[in-house]
């Protein structure tokens, strides 16, 4: 969440950017982001 908050709020941040900056797998991060979208904490813009 910290990376999402500190990223520019004007432009969306991509999953790949987060994967590279956090050193986690795409699969793991996608599961977390899916839960955050379902909870209404973030928005997805496919």
Foldseek 3Di string as FASTA:
>chain_A
DVVQVPPDPVDDDDLVNVCVVVVDDSVVVVVVVVVCVVVVNDPDDD
